[in-house]
Amino acid sequence: MLKKFYSAGIEVKIITGDNADTTFAIAKQINFNGYENAMSGEELIGLSDDELQKKVSVTSIFTRMFPEAKLKVINAMKANNQIVAMTGDGVNDGPALKAAHIGIAMGKKGTEIAKQAASLILVEDDLSKMVDAIAMGRKIYSNLKKAIQYIISIHIPIILTVFIPLALGWIYPNIFSPIHIILLELIMGPTCSIIYENGPMEKKAMNSKPRLFTNTFFNWKELTTSIIQGIMITVGTLFVYQFSVNNDFSEAVTRTMVFTVLISANIFLTLINRSFYYSIFTTLQYKNNLVFIIIGITMAITALLLLVRPMTEFFEFTQLSAMQLLTSIGVGFVSVIWFEFVKMRNRMKAPVSLS
């Protein structure tokens, strides 16, 4: 269990009221990292705040601790900009549990004071449950980021495809009407909420270091990636727009081709962005049957729009030739697939060990 904490980049410290010899023997037996670096409560209480902040960074075991000493350790780690989770079950743990970012009380052996001071209570007094909770938290955080990055990437081409022809006075300025935007939103909404938010935890999630307390939700690299993805899809849609115009295709054909590019890019983006590290061949093995259901529904709706005359006429589309359809799908694919090469480069630069 300790190995799982260590591989997840989480420092583990023992803060106990037991004597040094007993604690040292137990820590050595369980291969506790840094068991040779210990400090007693009496030693600790005599240190200044600056000295204590340095000492807690290199000390793994604190023995003969009393409530005030435990509280000082927690506050020192917080002063070092660390996110502190504290587990405890006794009355003496109350102040430290209250001061920690995440106070965790034992559900069975924990006193009422410990439970009231804590943020969370373990129903079973089993630290392995904490590993599961950390994994679940990382999964939710990662999936939420993927969903928002998808929203950013796919909305940029929608906005620019509507705005640029109108602003530049192109031959078909009103390529999309509000009803087309609503239709696209109806397709993309379930994609975001069902596919990304229900995605499984990635294999490398528990082998990554925790994010810094001062980090924002998105870093500049992640935001830039989403913006570039959106711009590349925009380039694809506008390329098909100009391709259609240069071939003297009608407005209905142009609109249908541009719409098909967006739908195709949306499908491929959905599959590729399920991981920003692993390839699409890996993510296709992720267990989430809803992915293919949602993509199948999207393809079925698109087929109805292009083949069923009443729907085609209502949305001001038209049936495409095989060449026009393949061109639109191909451009949608190319406008997204380039990111697979970026992920490949990232894997080569920073391989992840899953042992």
Protein backbone atom coordinates (compact mmCIF):
# COMPACT_ATOMS: atom_id res chain seq x y z
CA MET A 1 0.00 0.00 0.00
CA LEU A 2 2.82 2.41 0.86
CA LYS A 3 4.32 1.79 -2.59
CA LYS A 4 1.10 3.07 -4.15
CA PHE A 5 1.37 6.29 -2.15
CA TYR A 6 5.00 6.72 -3.14
CA SER A 7 4.41 6.00 -6.83
CA ALA A 8 1.60 8.59 -6.76
CA GLY A 9 4.11 11.18 -5.57
CA ILE A 10 2.61 11.40 -2.08
CA GLU A 11 4.91 11.81 0.90
CA VAL A 12 3.93 9.75 3.92
CA LYS A 13 4.98 10.75 7.45
CA ILE A 14 4.37 9.04 10.78
CA ILE A 15 3.28 11.36 13.59
CA THR A 16 2.75 9.32 16.72
CA GLY A 17 2.78 9.50 20.47
CA ASP A 18 4.70 6.20 20.69
CA ASN A 19 8.37 6.09 21.64
CA ALA A 20 11.13 6.23 19.03
CA ASP A 21 12.32 2.61 19.36
CA THR A 22 8.88 1.09 18.78
CA THR A 23 8.13 3.39 15.86
CA PHE A 24 11.55 2.82 14.29
CA ALA A 25 11.16 -0.98 14.47
CA ILE A 26 7.70 -0.93 12.88
CA ALA A 27 8.75 1.55 10.17
CA LYS A 28 11.79 -0.54 9.26
CA GLN A 29 9.71 -3.71 9.09
CA ILE A 30 7.24 -2.19 6.63
CA ASN A 31 9.98 -0.56 4.49
CA PHE A 32 8.82 2.93 5.34
CA ASN A 33 10.75 5.52 3.32
CA GLY A 34 13.04 7.68 5.46
CA TYR A 35 12.51 5.68 8.66
CA GLU A 36 16.02 6.67 9.77
CA ASN A 37 15.04 10.36 9.88
CA ALA A 38 13.13 10.84 13.13
CA MET A 39 12.40 13.66 15.56
CA SER A 40 10.70 13.81 18.94
CA GLY A 41 8.02 16.24 20.04
CA GLU A 42 10.36 17.88 22.53
CA GLU A 43 13.00 18.53 19.86
CA LEU A 44 10.40 19.88 17.49
CA ILE A 45 8.75 22.31 19.90
CA GLY A 46 12.07 24.09 20.48
CA LEU A 47 12.61 24.93 16.81
CA SER A 48 11.74 28.27 15.25
CA ASP A 49 9.14 28.37 12.49
CA ASP A 50 11.78 28.69 9.75
CA GLU A 51 13.85 25.84 11.18
CA LEU A 52 10.77 23.66 11.51
CA GLN A 53 9.73 24.27 7.90
CA LYS A 54 13.11 23.01 6.74
CA LYS A 55 13.12 20.10 9.17
CA VAL A 56 9.69 18.72 8.25
CA SER A 57 10.81 18.49 4.61
CA VAL A 58 13.50 15.94 5.46
CA THR A 59 11.95 14.20 8.46
CA SER A 60 9.63 11.26 7.96
CA ILE A 61 8.93 10.11 11.53
CA PHE A 62 7.83 12.21 14.49
CA THR A 63 7.66 10.41 17.84
CA ARG A 64 6.47 11.28 21.35
CA MET A 65 4.18 13.85 19.82
CA PHE A 66 1.55 15.80 21.78
CA PRO A 67 -1.31 17.91 20.35
CA GLU A 68 0.65 21.18 20.09
CA ALA A 69 3.58 19.46 18.37
CA LYS A 70 1.31 17.70 15.87
CA LEU A 71 -0.35 20.99 15.07
CA LYS A 72 3.02 22.66 14.49
CA VAL A 73 4.05 19.93 12.02
CA ILE A 74 0.83 20.36 10.04
CA ASN A 75 1.19 24.15 9.93
CA ALA A 76 4.85 23.88 8.90
CA MET A 77 3.98 21.63 5.97
CA LYS A 78 1.20 23.99 4.94
CA ALA A 79 3.69 26.87 5.10
CA ASN A 80 5.83 24.90 2.62
CA ASN A 81 2.87 25.06 0.17
CA GLN A 82 2.16 21.36 0.56
CA ILE A 83 -1.36 19.95 0.49
CA VAL A 84 -1.64 18.16 3.82
CA ALA A 85 -3.90 15.20 4.58
CA MET A 86 -3.87 14.03 8.20
CA THR A 87 -5.26 10.77 9.52
CA GLY A 88 -6.06 10.28 13.18
CA ASP A 89 -8.36 8.59 15.66
CA GLY A 90 -7.66 10.07 19.10
CA VAL A 91 -8.55 13.17 21.07
CA ASN A 92 -4.97 14.39 20.71
CA ASP A 93 -5.34 14.40 16.94
CA GLY A 94 -8.24 16.86 16.96
CA PRO A 95 -6.32 20.16 16.48
CA ALA A 96 -4.11 18.71 13.73
CA LEU A 97 -7.09 17.14 11.93
CA LYS A 98 -8.84 20.49 12.01
CA ALA A 99 -5.78 22.37 10.71
CA ALA A 100 -4.97 19.98 7.84
CA HIS A 101 -6.33 20.67 4.38
CA ILE A 102 -7.97 17.24 4.54
CA GLY A 103 -8.57 15.79 8.00
CA ILE A 104 -9.36 12.07 7.88
CA ALA A 105 -10.74 10.31 10.95
CA MET A 106 -10.99 6.57 11.51
CA GLY A 107 -14.62 5.50 11.37
CA LYS A 108 -14.44 2.53 13.74
CA LYS A 109 -11.72 3.37 16.26
CA GLY A 110 -11.94 7.12 15.92
CA THR A 111 -13.20 9.23 18.84
CA GLU A 112 -16.10 11.63 18.40
CA ILE A 113 -13.73 14.58 18.75
CA ALA A 114 -11.56 13.25 15.91
CA LYS A 115 -14.60 12.67 13.71
CA GLN A 116 -15.98 16.14 14.35
CA ALA A 117 -12.63 17.78 13.61
CA ALA A 118 -12.08 15.80 10.38
CA SER A 119 -13.23 16.62 6.86
CA LEU A 120 -13.66 12.95 5.97
CA ILE A 121 -14.33 9.76 7.90
CA LEU A 122 -13.08 6.37 6.72
CA VAL A 123 -15.95 3.92 7.18
CA GLU A 124 -13.38 1.13 7.40
CA ASP A 125 -10.10 1.78 9.22
CA ASP A 126 -8.13 0.80 6.15
CA LEU A 127 -5.61 3.14 4.54
CA SER A 128 -5.93 1.33 1.22
CA LYS A 129 -9.31 3.04 0.92
CA MET A 130 -7.40 6.32 0.80
CA VAL A 131 -5.55 5.08 -2.28
CA ASP A 132 -8.89 4.32 -3.92
CA ALA A 133 -10.19 7.77 -2.98
CA ILE A 134 -7.11 9.48 -4.42
CA ALA A 135 -7.46 7.48 -7.63
CA MET A 136 -11.13 8.43 -7.92
CA GLY A 137 -10.33 12.08 -7.31
CA ARG A 138 -7.65 12.09 -9.99
CA LYS A 139 -9.99 10.37 -12.40
CA ILE A 140 -12.76 12.95 -11.87
CA TYR A 141 -10.31 15.85 -12.14
CA SER A 142 -8.74 14.49 -15.33
CA ASN A 143 -12.08 13.69 -16.98
CA LEU A 144 -13.46 17.13 -16.15
CA LYS A 145 -10.42 18.76 -17.75
CA LYS A 146 -10.82 16.60 -20.88
CA ALA A 147 -14.48 17.56 -21.13
CA ILE A 148 -13.73 21.29 -20.88
CA GLN A 149 -10.81 21.05 -23.31
CA TYR A 150 -13.14 19.29 -25.75
CA ILE A 151 -15.69 22.09 -25.36
CA ILE A 152 -13.02 24.72 -26.08
CA SER A 153 -11.60 22.87 -29.08
CA ILE A 154 -14.91 22.16 -30.79
CA HIS A 155 -16.52 25.55 -30.20
CA ILE A 156 -13.69 27.55 -31.75
CA PRO A 157 -14.40 26.25 -35.30
CA ILE A 158 -18.15 26.72 -34.85
CA ILE A 159 -17.68 30.37 -33.84
CA LEU A 160 -15.06 31.16 -36.48
CA THR A 161 -16.87 29.33 -39.28
CA VAL A 162 -19.93 31.49 -38.64
CA PHE A 163 -17.97 34.72 -38.06
CA ILE A 164 -15.24 34.74 -40.74
CA PRO A 165 -17.41 34.39 -43.91
CA LEU A 166 -19.75 37.06 -42.54
CA ALA A 167 -16.98 39.44 -41.45
CA LEU A 168 -14.96 39.06 -44.67
CA GLY A 169 -18.01 39.21 -46.94
CA TRP A 170 -17.51 35.82 -48.56
CA ILE A 171 -19.94 34.66 -51.22
CA TYR A 172 -22.04 32.61 -48.78
CA PRO A 173 -21.92 34.75 -45.61
CA ASN A 174 -24.72 32.94 -43.75
CA ILE A 175 -23.26 29.46 -44.06
CA PHE A 176 -24.87 28.43 -40.75
CA SER A 177 -28.13 29.61 -39.25
CA PRO A 178 -29.13 29.34 -35.55
CA ILE A 179 -30.81 26.00 -36.18
CA HIS A 180 -27.52 24.51 -37.37
CA ILE A 181 -25.75 25.75 -34.24
CA ILE A 182 -28.49 24.24 -32.05
CA LEU A 183 -28.14 20.93 -33.88
CA LEU A 184 -24.37 20.92 -33.35
CA GLU A 185 -24.84 21.69 -29.66
CA LEU A 186 -27.31 18.82 -29.31
CA ILE A 187 -24.70 16.48 -30.76
CA MET A 188 -21.78 17.82 -28.72
CA GLY A 189 -23.54 18.03 -25.35
CA PRO A 190 -23.94 14.26 -24.85
CA THR A 191 -20.44 13.70 -26.22
CA CYS A 192 -19.02 15.90 -23.48
CA SER A 193 -21.11 14.67 -20.56
CA ILE A 194 -21.40 10.97 -21.38
CA ILE A 195 -18.10 10.09 -23.04
CA TYR A 196 -15.58 12.21 -21.17
CA GLU A 197 -17.13 12.42 -17.73
CA ASN A 198 -17.66 8.65 -17.65
CA GLY A 199 -14.23 7.77 -18.97
CA PRO A 200 -12.07 5.29 -17.03
CA MET A 201 -8.98 6.30 -15.10
CA GLU A 202 -5.86 6.38 -17.24
CA LYS A 203 -3.10 3.90 -16.45
CA LYS A 204 -0.59 6.63 -15.64
CA ALA A 205 -2.89 8.58 -13.31
CA MET A 206 -1.49 7.02 -10.13
CA ASN A 207 2.09 7.36 -11.34
CA SER A 208 1.97 11.14 -11.69
CA LYS A 209 2.97 13.67 -9.09
CA PRO A 210 0.21 15.66 -7.39
CA ARG A 211 -0.36 19.11 -8.87
CA LEU A 212 0.99 22.03 -6.92
CA PHE A 213 -1.34 23.85 -4.56
CA THR A 214 -0.75 27.07 -6.50
CA ASN A 215 -1.58 25.57 -9.91
CA THR A 216 -4.58 26.85 -11.84
CA PHE A 217 -7.14 24.46 -13.31
CA PHE A 218 -5.57 24.77 -16.77
CA ASN A 219 -1.93 25.50 -17.39
CA TRP A 220 -0.89 27.48 -20.43
CA LYS A 221 0.23 24.38 -22.35
CA GLU A 222 -3.13 22.64 -21.94
CA LEU A 223 -5.08 25.73 -22.92
CA THR A 224 -2.83 26.33 -25.94
CA THR A 225 -3.33 22.72 -27.05
CA SER A 226 -7.11 23.12 -27.05
CA ILE A 227 -6.94 26.43 -28.90
CA ILE A 228 -4.61 25.02 -31.57
CA GLN A 229 -6.88 21.99 -32.01
CA GLY A 230 -9.83 24.34 -32.51
CA ILE A 231 -7.91 26.49 -34.98
CA MET A 232 -6.82 23.44 -36.99
CA ILE A 233 -10.44 22.28 -37.30
CA THR A 234 -11.37 25.82 -38.35
CA VAL A 235 -8.68 25.71 -41.05
CA GLY A 236 -10.20 22.46 -42.28
CA THR A 237 -13.76 23.79 -42.42
CA LEU A 238 -12.73 27.00 -44.19
CA PHE A 239 -10.56 25.04 -46.61
CA VAL A 240 -13.58 22.96 -47.61
CA TYR A 241 -15.66 26.15 -47.83
CA GLN A 242 -13.20 27.68 -50.31
CA PHE A 243 -12.78 24.35 -52.12
CA SER A 244 -16.52 24.23 -52.67
CA VAL A 245 -16.71 27.85 -53.83
CA ASN A 246 -13.77 27.44 -56.23
CA ASN A 247 -15.52 24.43 -57.77
CA ASP A 248 -18.71 26.49 -58.26
CA PHE A 249 -20.71 24.33 -55.85
CA SER A 250 -24.01 25.75 -54.65
CA GLU A 251 -24.57 27.27 -51.23
CA ALA A 252 -26.42 24.13 -50.11
CA VAL A 253 -23.51 21.91 -51.15
CA THR A 254 -21.03 24.21 -49.43
CA ARG A 255 -23.09 24.26 -46.25
CA THR A 256 -23.45 20.48 -46.26
CA MET A 257 -19.75 19.89 -46.83
CA VAL A 258 -18.72 22.34 -44.10
CA PHE A 259 -21.22 20.77 -41.69
CA THR A 260 -19.90 17.28 -42.53
CA VAL A 261 -16.34 18.43 -41.84
CA LEU A 262 -17.40 19.66 -38.39
CA ILE A 263 -19.25 16.43 -37.58
CA SER A 264 -16.32 14.28 -38.77
CA ALA A 265 -13.81 16.37 -36.83
CA ASN A 266 -16.04 16.10 -33.76
CA ILE A 267 -16.08 12.30 -33.95
CA PHE A 268 -12.33 12.00 -34.44
CA LEU A 269 -11.64 14.63 -31.75
CA THR A 270 -13.83 12.66 -29.35
CA LEU A 271 -11.71 9.56 -29.84
CA ILE A 272 -8.31 11.25 -29.89
CA ASN A 273 -8.85 13.50 -26.85
CA ARG A 274 -9.84 10.65 -24.57
CA SER A 275 -6.18 10.78 -23.63
CA PHE A 276 -3.61 13.54 -24.10
CA TYR A 277 -0.81 11.00 -23.65
CA TYR A 278 -1.80 7.57 -24.96
CA SER A 279 -2.57 6.85 -28.61
CA ILE A 280 -6.04 6.34 -30.03
CA PHE A 281 -5.26 2.61 -30.35
CA THR A 282 -4.85 2.47 -26.58
CA THR A 283 -7.93 4.54 -25.78
CA LEU A 284 -10.10 2.39 -28.03
CA GLN A 285 -9.49 -0.39 -25.50
CA TYR A 286 -10.85 1.73 -22.64
CA LYS A 287 -14.00 0.23 -21.23
CA ASN A 288 -16.81 2.68 -22.00
CA ASN A 289 -19.49 1.20 -24.23
CA LEU A 290 -21.26 4.54 -24.39
CA VAL A 291 -18.50 5.91 -26.64
CA PHE A 292 -19.57 3.87 -29.64
CA ILE A 293 -23.24 4.33 -28.85
CA ILE A 294 -22.90 8.12 -28.89
CA ILE A 295 -20.73 8.07 -32.02
CA GLY A 296 -23.19 5.71 -33.68
CA ILE A 297 -26.10 8.02 -32.86
CA THR A 298 -24.12 11.00 -34.21
CA MET A 299 -23.43 9.16 -37.47
CA ALA A 300 -27.06 8.06 -37.74
CA ILE A 301 -28.34 11.62 -37.27
CA THR A 302 -25.87 12.87 -39.89
CA ALA A 303 -26.99 10.18 -42.33
CA LEU A 304 -30.63 11.19 -41.81
CA LEU A 305 -29.77 14.82 -42.46
CA LEU A 306 -27.97 13.98 -45.68
CA LEU A 307 -30.25 11.24 -47.06
CA VAL A 308 -33.82 11.87 -45.89
CA ARG A 309 -35.20 14.58 -48.16
CA PRO A 310 -37.59 16.33 -45.70
CA MET A 311 -34.81 16.71 -43.13
CA THR A 312 -32.29 17.67 -45.78
CA GLU A 313 -34.54 20.43 -47.09
CA PHE A 314 -35.50 21.64 -43.61
CA PHE A 315 -31.84 22.20 -42.69
CA GLU A 316 -31.04 23.61 -46.15
CA PHE A 317 -28.65 20.79 -46.90
CA THR A 318 -28.36 18.66 -50.01
CA GLN A 319 -27.16 15.19 -50.89
CA LEU A 320 -23.43 15.02 -51.56
CA SER A 321 -21.61 13.06 -54.19
CA ALA A 322 -19.17 10.37 -53.08
CA MET A 323 -16.24 12.68 -53.83
CA GLN A 324 -17.73 15.56 -51.85
CA LEU A 325 -18.54 13.33 -48.89
CA LEU A 326 -15.10 11.69 -48.81
CA THR A 327 -13.41 15.08 -49.13
CA SER A 328 -15.35 16.42 -46.14
CA ILE A 329 -14.68 13.36 -43.98
CA GLY A 330 -11.01 13.29 -45.00
CA VAL A 331 -10.48 16.95 -44.14
CA GLY A 332 -12.22 16.44 -40.79
CA PHE A 333 -9.89 13.52 -40.09
CA VAL A 334 -6.70 15.36 -41.09
CA SER A 335 -7.66 18.46 -39.08
CA VAL A 336 -7.60 16.36 -35.88
CA ILE A 337 -5.30 13.37 -36.43
CA TRP A 338 -2.13 15.52 -36.33
CA PHE A 339 -2.41 15.54 -32.54
CA GLU A 340 -1.60 11.83 -32.48
CA PHE A 341 1.93 12.72 -33.62
CA VAL A 342 2.19 15.26 -30.81
CA LYS A 343 1.21 12.57 -28.30
CA MET A 344 3.72 10.19 -29.84
CA ARG A 345 6.47 12.76 -29.37
CA ASN A 346 5.38 13.32 -25.76
CA ARG A 347 5.51 9.59 -25.03
CA MET A 348 9.02 9.39 -26.46
CA LYS A 349 10.18 12.37 -24.41
CA ALA A 350 8.53 11.34 -21.15
CA PRO A 351 7.77 7.60 -20.99
CA VAL A 352 5.71 6.53 -18.00
CA SER A 353 6.65 3.51 -15.93
CA LEU A 354 3.58 1.55 -14.84
CA SER A 355 5.38 -1.01 -12.70
